[in-house]
Amino acid sequence: MPQPTIGSLFAGIGGFDEGFEKAGYRTAWQVELNPTNRAVLADRFPHATQHEDVRHCGANNLQSVDVITAGFPCQDISNAGSRPGNQHTRGLQGQRSGLFWEVIRILQETQPRWVVLENVVNLLAINDSRDFQTVVRALADSGYVGCWRVLNAQYFGVPQQRRRIFLVAGHHRMPPIELLADAAPVDAIPPASQSQPWPRPADAWAANTLLANKAGSQIAMGCTTFVAHPNGWHQMVERQRTSDDDGLCLGLDASNLAEAFAAGNAVVPQIAQWIAEKLIKAH
C-alpha cells in the first residue's frame, strides 16, 4: 500500500506533522502564514510543499491527501485573548478564528478521508456553546462525521498542563472507536500537599519549562512558581554582573520570544502521534 499522506493547515512549526510522520504518514504540503515558522518547516520537512496563506489555497494548488489537520487560530476563542469588560469573545465571527471557514471550504474542495481539528477547550463554551455547535454542523454539512475529545499533554509525557480539544471526523465514515474508548493507564497526580525535597532545583518545576502556566506561550517570570535556595543572594549578584560585563540577557530577547510563541501555539507531537496511530489502522 502507498504511504498515507497528510496536509497541514495552520501548520505552525509542525507539531501535527511531526506526530503523524512518526506514526507512518508523509507530509505532502503545509500552509503557514508566519515566515519564521515557515523557515522551521522548510528545515524539518524539506519534502513538503509550502504555501503561505490559507485563503489562497484549495483544490487548484493542494495535492489530494488522506488526512488534513488544522489547529485553526484561537485568538478569538481563548480566554487568554479576552479583554476586561468583554464577557463574550467574538469566536468564529472574529477575524482570526473565523478562518475556520477556510478549513471547511478546503475540505469541501479536496475531500480528504479524514480531518483532525485542534483548538482551546473554551471552544466548547464560547457564545453559550453555539460556536461548537456551528463547527460540528459545518463538518456534518460537508460530509464529515466523527467524535471529539479533550486531551491533556501531561498524560503523553509532556511536563505541562495543556488541555486541548481535538475533533476527528471521516468523510462519510466514522473514525476508529479507540479514539474515544481507549483503556490506556493514567498515572496518579501527586497531591499539592506532598512533601518536596529542599532546596528544589529550578528545572524540576514544570512552570520553569518553555511552555509554562495556562498560556502555552508564556514563561513564568513572576512569582507563579517561587524557587528559593538558602543563602543564594550571591547568585543574583553574579547574574547581574554577568549581564553587565558580557551583555547576556536577563529576560527574553526577540528570538527567545519568537521561539516561546511558536512552541506555545504548536500541537503537542505526542498527542498527534497517538491520534495518527489510530487513524492509520483504518487504511
Protein backbone atom coordinates (compact mmCIF):
# COMPACT_ATOMS: atom_id res chain seq x y z
CA MET A 1 0.00 0.00 0.00
CA PRO A 2 1.26 3.52 -0.70
CA GLN A 3 2.29 5.59 2.30
CA PRO A 4 -0.67 7.65 3.59
CA THR A 5 -0.29 11.42 3.40
CA ILE A 6 -1.36 14.47 5.36
CA GLY A 7 -1.78 18.13 4.52
CA SER A 8 -1.34 20.63 7.34
CA LEU A 9 -3.33 23.87 7.58
CA PHE A 10 -2.09 26.50 10.05
CA ALA A 11 0.97 24.27 10.35
CA GLY A 12 2.90 26.42 12.85
CA ILE A 13 6.23 24.70 13.48
CA GLY A 14 4.87 21.28 12.54
CA GLY A 15 3.51 19.67 15.71
CA PHE A 16 0.78 17.79 13.84
CA ASP A 17 3.20 16.90 11.04
CA GLU A 18 5.86 15.57 13.40
CA GLY A 19 3.40 13.33 15.21
CA PHE A 20 1.77 11.98 12.07
CA GLU A 21 5.11 11.23 10.42
CA LYS A 22 6.24 9.28 13.48
CA ALA A 23 3.08 7.20 13.05
CA GLY A 24 3.90 6.43 9.41
CA TYR A 25 2.38 9.27 7.39
CA ARG A 26 4.18 11.54 4.93
CA THR A 27 3.55 15.29 4.94
CA ALA A 28 2.60 16.38 1.41
CA TRP A 29 2.04 20.10 1.98
CA GLN A 30 1.86 22.73 4.69
CA VAL A 31 0.10 26.11 4.88
CA GLU A 32 1.59 28.64 7.32
CA LEU A 33 1.49 32.45 7.26
CA ASN A 34 4.33 33.23 9.71
CA PRO A 35 7.70 33.42 7.86
CA THR A 36 9.70 32.33 10.93
CA ASN A 37 7.54 29.25 11.30
CA ARG A 38 7.85 28.50 7.58
CA ALA A 39 11.63 28.56 7.93
CA VAL A 40 11.36 25.92 10.66
CA LEU A 41 9.02 23.84 8.47
CA ALA A 42 11.38 24.07 5.48
CA ASP A 43 14.24 22.79 7.62
CA ARG A 44 12.32 19.95 9.26
CA PHE A 45 10.06 18.91 6.37
CA PRO A 46 12.04 19.56 3.14
CA HIS A 47 9.88 17.04 1.26
CA ALA A 48 6.66 19.03 1.87
CA THR A 49 5.35 21.77 -0.41
CA GLN A 50 4.84 25.05 1.42
CA HIS A 51 2.03 27.55 0.96
CA GLU A 52 1.66 30.88 2.73
CA ASP A 53 -2.00 31.91 3.01
CA VAL A 54 -4.86 29.53 3.65
CA ARG A 55 -7.20 31.92 1.84
CA HIS A 56 -5.30 31.34 -1.40
CA CYS A 57 -5.26 27.55 -1.16
CA GLY A 58 -7.69 24.96 -2.42
CA ALA A 59 -8.16 22.21 -4.96
CA ASN A 60 -6.31 24.33 -7.51
CA ASN A 61 -2.95 24.13 -5.70
CA LEU A 62 -3.23 21.49 -2.94
CA GLN A 63 -2.40 17.85 -3.63
CA SER A 64 -5.01 15.30 -2.58
CA VAL A 65 -4.15 13.78 0.80
CA ASP A 66 -5.59 11.18 3.13
CA VAL A 67 -5.74 13.48 6.18
CA ILE A 68 -6.00 17.23 6.63
CA THR A 69 -5.01 18.62 10.03
CA ALA A 70 -5.82 22.12 11.21
CA GLY A 71 -5.13 23.84 14.51
CA PHE A 72 -7.09 26.89 13.41
CA PRO A 73 -6.45 30.23 15.21
CA CYS A 74 -7.75 30.50 18.76
CA GLN A 75 -7.27 34.24 19.41
CA ASP A 76 -11.00 34.98 19.20
CA ILE A 77 -11.91 31.89 21.23
CA SER A 78 -9.34 31.63 24.01
CA ASN A 79 -9.95 33.09 27.46
CA ALA A 80 -6.40 34.44 27.28
CA GLY A 81 -7.42 36.66 24.39
CA SER A 82 -10.44 38.20 26.10
CA ARG A 83 -10.39 41.77 27.37
CA PRO A 84 -11.77 43.20 30.64
CA GLY A 85 -15.41 44.05 30.24
CA ASN A 86 -15.94 41.65 27.31
CA GLN A 87 -17.94 38.74 28.67
CA HIS A 88 -18.12 37.15 25.23
CA THR A 89 -15.26 36.90 22.78
CA ARG A 90 -16.07 37.02 19.09
CA GLY A 91 -15.49 33.34 18.46
CA LEU A 92 -15.97 32.17 14.90
CA GLN A 93 -17.12 35.67 13.96
CA GLY A 94 -13.66 37.01 14.77
CA GLN A 95 -11.15 37.85 12.07
CA ARG A 96 -8.62 35.20 13.15
CA SER A 97 -10.74 32.29 14.42
CA GLY A 98 -13.17 32.91 11.58
CA LEU A 99 -10.54 31.35 9.30
CA PHE A 100 -12.18 28.09 10.35
CA TRP A 101 -14.46 28.63 7.36
CA GLU A 102 -11.43 28.39 5.08
CA VAL A 103 -10.84 24.92 6.52
CA ILE A 104 -14.41 23.96 5.67
CA ARG A 105 -14.03 25.33 2.12
CA ILE A 106 -10.82 23.35 1.57
CA LEU A 107 -12.44 20.18 2.95
CA GLN A 108 -15.33 20.57 0.53
CA GLU A 109 -12.96 21.13 -2.40
CA THR A 110 -10.42 18.36 -1.67
CA GLN A 111 -12.46 15.81 0.34
CA PRO A 112 -9.71 14.02 2.30
CA ARG A 113 -10.56 10.76 4.00
CA TRP A 114 -10.05 12.23 7.49
CA VAL A 115 -9.87 15.65 9.11
CA VAL A 116 -8.35 16.41 12.53
CA LEU A 117 -9.06 19.79 14.14
CA GLU A 118 -7.48 21.24 17.29
CA ASN A 119 -8.29 24.26 19.43
CA VAL A 120 -8.53 25.52 23.00
CA VAL A 121 -11.08 23.95 25.33
CA ASN A 122 -13.02 27.21 25.50
CA LEU A 123 -14.39 26.34 22.07
CA LEU A 124 -16.83 24.11 23.94
CA ALA A 125 -18.29 27.03 25.91
CA ILE A 126 -17.84 30.22 23.93
CA ASN A 127 -21.02 32.08 22.98
CA ASP A 128 -23.12 29.67 25.06
CA SER A 129 -21.69 26.69 23.10
CA ARG A 130 -23.24 27.90 19.85
CA ASP A 131 -19.84 28.11 18.14
CA PHE A 132 -19.04 24.48 18.88
CA GLN A 133 -22.44 23.52 17.52
CA THR A 134 -21.56 25.51 14.40
CA VAL A 135 -18.28 23.62 13.99
CA VAL A 136 -19.97 20.22 14.27
CA ARG A 137 -22.79 21.25 11.92
CA ALA A 138 -20.35 22.65 9.33
CA LEU A 139 -18.40 19.40 9.33
CA ALA A 140 -21.58 17.34 9.03
CA ASP A 141 -22.90 19.51 6.18
CA SER A 142 -19.60 18.84 4.39
CA GLY A 143 -20.00 15.08 4.79
CA TYR A 144 -17.75 14.60 7.84
CA VAL A 145 -18.87 12.69 10.93
CA GLY A 146 -16.81 11.73 13.94
CA CYS A 147 -16.02 12.46 17.55
CA TRP A 148 -14.29 14.94 19.81
CA ARG A 149 -12.24 14.64 22.94
CA VAL A 150 -10.27 16.83 25.34
CA LEU A 151 -6.69 15.58 25.71
CA ASN A 152 -4.10 16.81 28.21
CA ALA A 153 -0.41 16.86 27.32
CA GLN A 154 0.61 15.78 30.83
CA TYR A 155 -0.64 12.26 30.08
CA PHE A 156 1.53 12.00 26.96
CA GLY A 157 4.92 12.50 28.58
CA VAL A 158 4.99 16.31 28.44
CA PRO A 159 5.67 18.19 31.74
CA GLN A 160 2.81 20.63 31.25
CA GLN A 161 -0.88 21.03 31.98
CA ARG A 162 -2.12 21.62 28.42
CA ARG A 163 -5.73 20.70 27.71
CA ARG A 164 -6.90 20.98 24.10
CA ILE A 165 -9.96 19.77 22.23
CA PHE A 166 -9.41 17.50 19.22
CA LEU A 167 -12.11 16.71 16.66
CA VAL A 168 -11.58 13.72 14.38
CA ALA A 169 -14.03 13.12 11.54
CA GLY A 170 -14.19 10.93 8.48
CA HIS A 171 -15.72 11.58 5.08
CA HIS A 172 -18.96 9.60 5.25
CA ARG A 173 -17.36 7.21 7.77
CA MET A 174 -16.76 7.18 11.50
CA PRO A 175 -13.20 7.23 12.85
CA PRO A 176 -11.93 4.29 14.93
CA ILE A 177 -13.74 3.85 18.22
CA GLU A 178 -10.36 3.65 20.01
CA LEU A 179 -10.20 7.45 19.83
CA LEU A 180 -12.98 7.52 22.42
CA ALA A 181 -12.75 4.21 24.25
CA ASP A 182 -9.08 3.62 24.98
CA ALA A 183 -8.02 1.90 28.17
CA ALA A 184 -4.53 3.35 28.50
CA PRO A 185 -3.16 3.64 32.05
CA VAL A 186 -3.05 7.09 33.63
CA ASP A 187 -0.52 7.88 36.34
CA ALA A 188 -1.82 9.31 39.59
CA ILE A 189 -1.22 13.01 40.14
CA PRO A 190 0.58 13.66 43.45
CA PRO A 191 -1.35 15.96 45.79
CA ALA A 192 -0.14 19.52 46.25
CA SER A 193 0.46 18.83 49.93
CA GLN A 194 3.03 16.15 49.19
CA SER A 195 6.39 16.96 50.73
CA GLN A 196 9.06 18.16 48.31
CA PRO A 197 12.84 17.83 48.66
CA TRP A 198 14.51 21.10 49.67
CA PRO A 199 16.01 23.01 48.01
CA ARG A 200 14.17 22.10 44.83
CA PRO A 201 16.15 22.75 41.61
CA ALA A 202 14.61 25.34 39.31
CA ASP A 203 14.48 22.91 36.37
CA ALA A 204 12.46 20.42 38.41
CA TRP A 205 9.33 22.56 38.18
CA ALA A 206 7.12 22.34 35.10
CA ALA A 207 6.43 26.05 35.43
CA ASN A 208 10.06 26.78 34.53
CA THR A 209 9.89 24.96 31.21
CA LEU A 210 9.38 26.82 27.95
CA LEU A 211 5.63 26.18 27.99
CA ALA A 212 4.60 27.40 31.41
CA ASN A 213 1.35 28.28 33.10
CA LYS A 214 -2.09 28.40 31.49
CA ALA A 215 -0.89 30.29 28.44
CA GLY A 216 1.18 27.91 26.36
CA SER A 217 3.48 30.65 25.06
CA GLN A 218 4.28 32.14 28.46
CA ILE A 219 7.38 31.63 30.56
CA ALA A 220 6.87 32.10 34.30
CA MET A 221 8.79 35.25 35.20
CA GLY A 222 6.81 36.40 38.23
CA CYS A 223 6.15 34.57 41.50
CA THR A 224 3.88 31.97 39.94
CA THR A 225 6.44 29.38 40.96
CA PHE A 226 8.92 30.67 43.51
CA VAL A 227 12.16 28.72 43.70
CA ALA A 228 14.22 29.51 46.78
CA HIS A 229 17.79 28.49 47.53
CA PRO A 230 19.15 29.15 51.03
CA ASN A 231 21.98 31.70 51.11
CA GLY A 232 21.62 32.31 47.37
CA TRP A 233 21.91 36.09 47.27
CA HIS A 234 25.37 35.90 45.71
CA GLN A 235 23.89 34.07 42.70
CA MET A 236 21.68 37.08 41.91
CA VAL A 237 24.70 39.40 42.17
CA GLU A 238 26.76 37.19 39.88
CA ARG A 239 23.95 37.05 37.33
CA GLN A 240 23.67 40.84 37.26
CA ARG A 241 27.44 41.18 36.91
CA THR A 242 27.42 38.72 34.00
CA SER A 243 24.72 40.74 32.29
CA ASP A 244 26.64 44.00 32.74
CA ASP A 245 30.04 42.60 31.70
CA ASP A 246 29.09 40.18 28.95
CA GLY A 247 25.81 41.61 27.69
CA LEU A 248 23.80 38.48 28.43
CA CYS A 249 20.04 38.99 28.62
CA LEU A 250 18.32 38.66 31.96
CA GLY A 251 14.98 38.08 30.29
CA LEU A 252 13.67 37.24 26.82
CA ASP A 253 15.19 38.64 23.66
CA ALA A 254 13.37 38.72 20.31
CA SER A 255 14.45 35.23 19.26
CA ASN A 256 13.51 33.77 22.66
CA LEU A 257 10.08 35.36 22.40
CA ALA A 258 9.52 34.07 18.87
CA GLU A 259 10.52 30.58 19.99
CA ALA A 260 8.22 30.73 23.00
CA PHE A 261 5.21 31.81 20.97
CA ALA A 262 5.89 29.22 18.26
CA ALA A 263 6.13 26.44 20.83
CA GLY A 264 3.08 27.74 22.69
CA ASN A 265 0.95 27.64 19.55
CA ALA A 266 2.17 24.22 18.46
CA VAL A 267 0.21 21.00 18.73
CA VAL A 268 1.93 18.54 21.06
CA PRO A 269 3.51 15.95 18.70
CA GLN A 270 2.93 13.08 21.14
CA ILE A 271 -0.82 13.69 21.04
CA ALA A 272 -0.80 13.99 17.26
CA GLN A 273 1.08 10.70 17.02
CA TRP A 274 -1.44 8.98 19.29
CA ILE A 275 -4.31 10.10 17.04
CA ALA A 276 -2.41 9.18 13.88
CA GLU A 277 -1.67 5.68 15.12
CA LYS A 278 -5.40 5.11 15.49
CA LEU A 279 -6.24 6.51 12.05
CA ILE A 280 -3.52 4.72 10.11
CA LYS A 281 -5.01 1.36 11.12
CA ALA A 282 -8.15 2.35 9.19
CA HIS A 283 -6.22 2.50 5.91
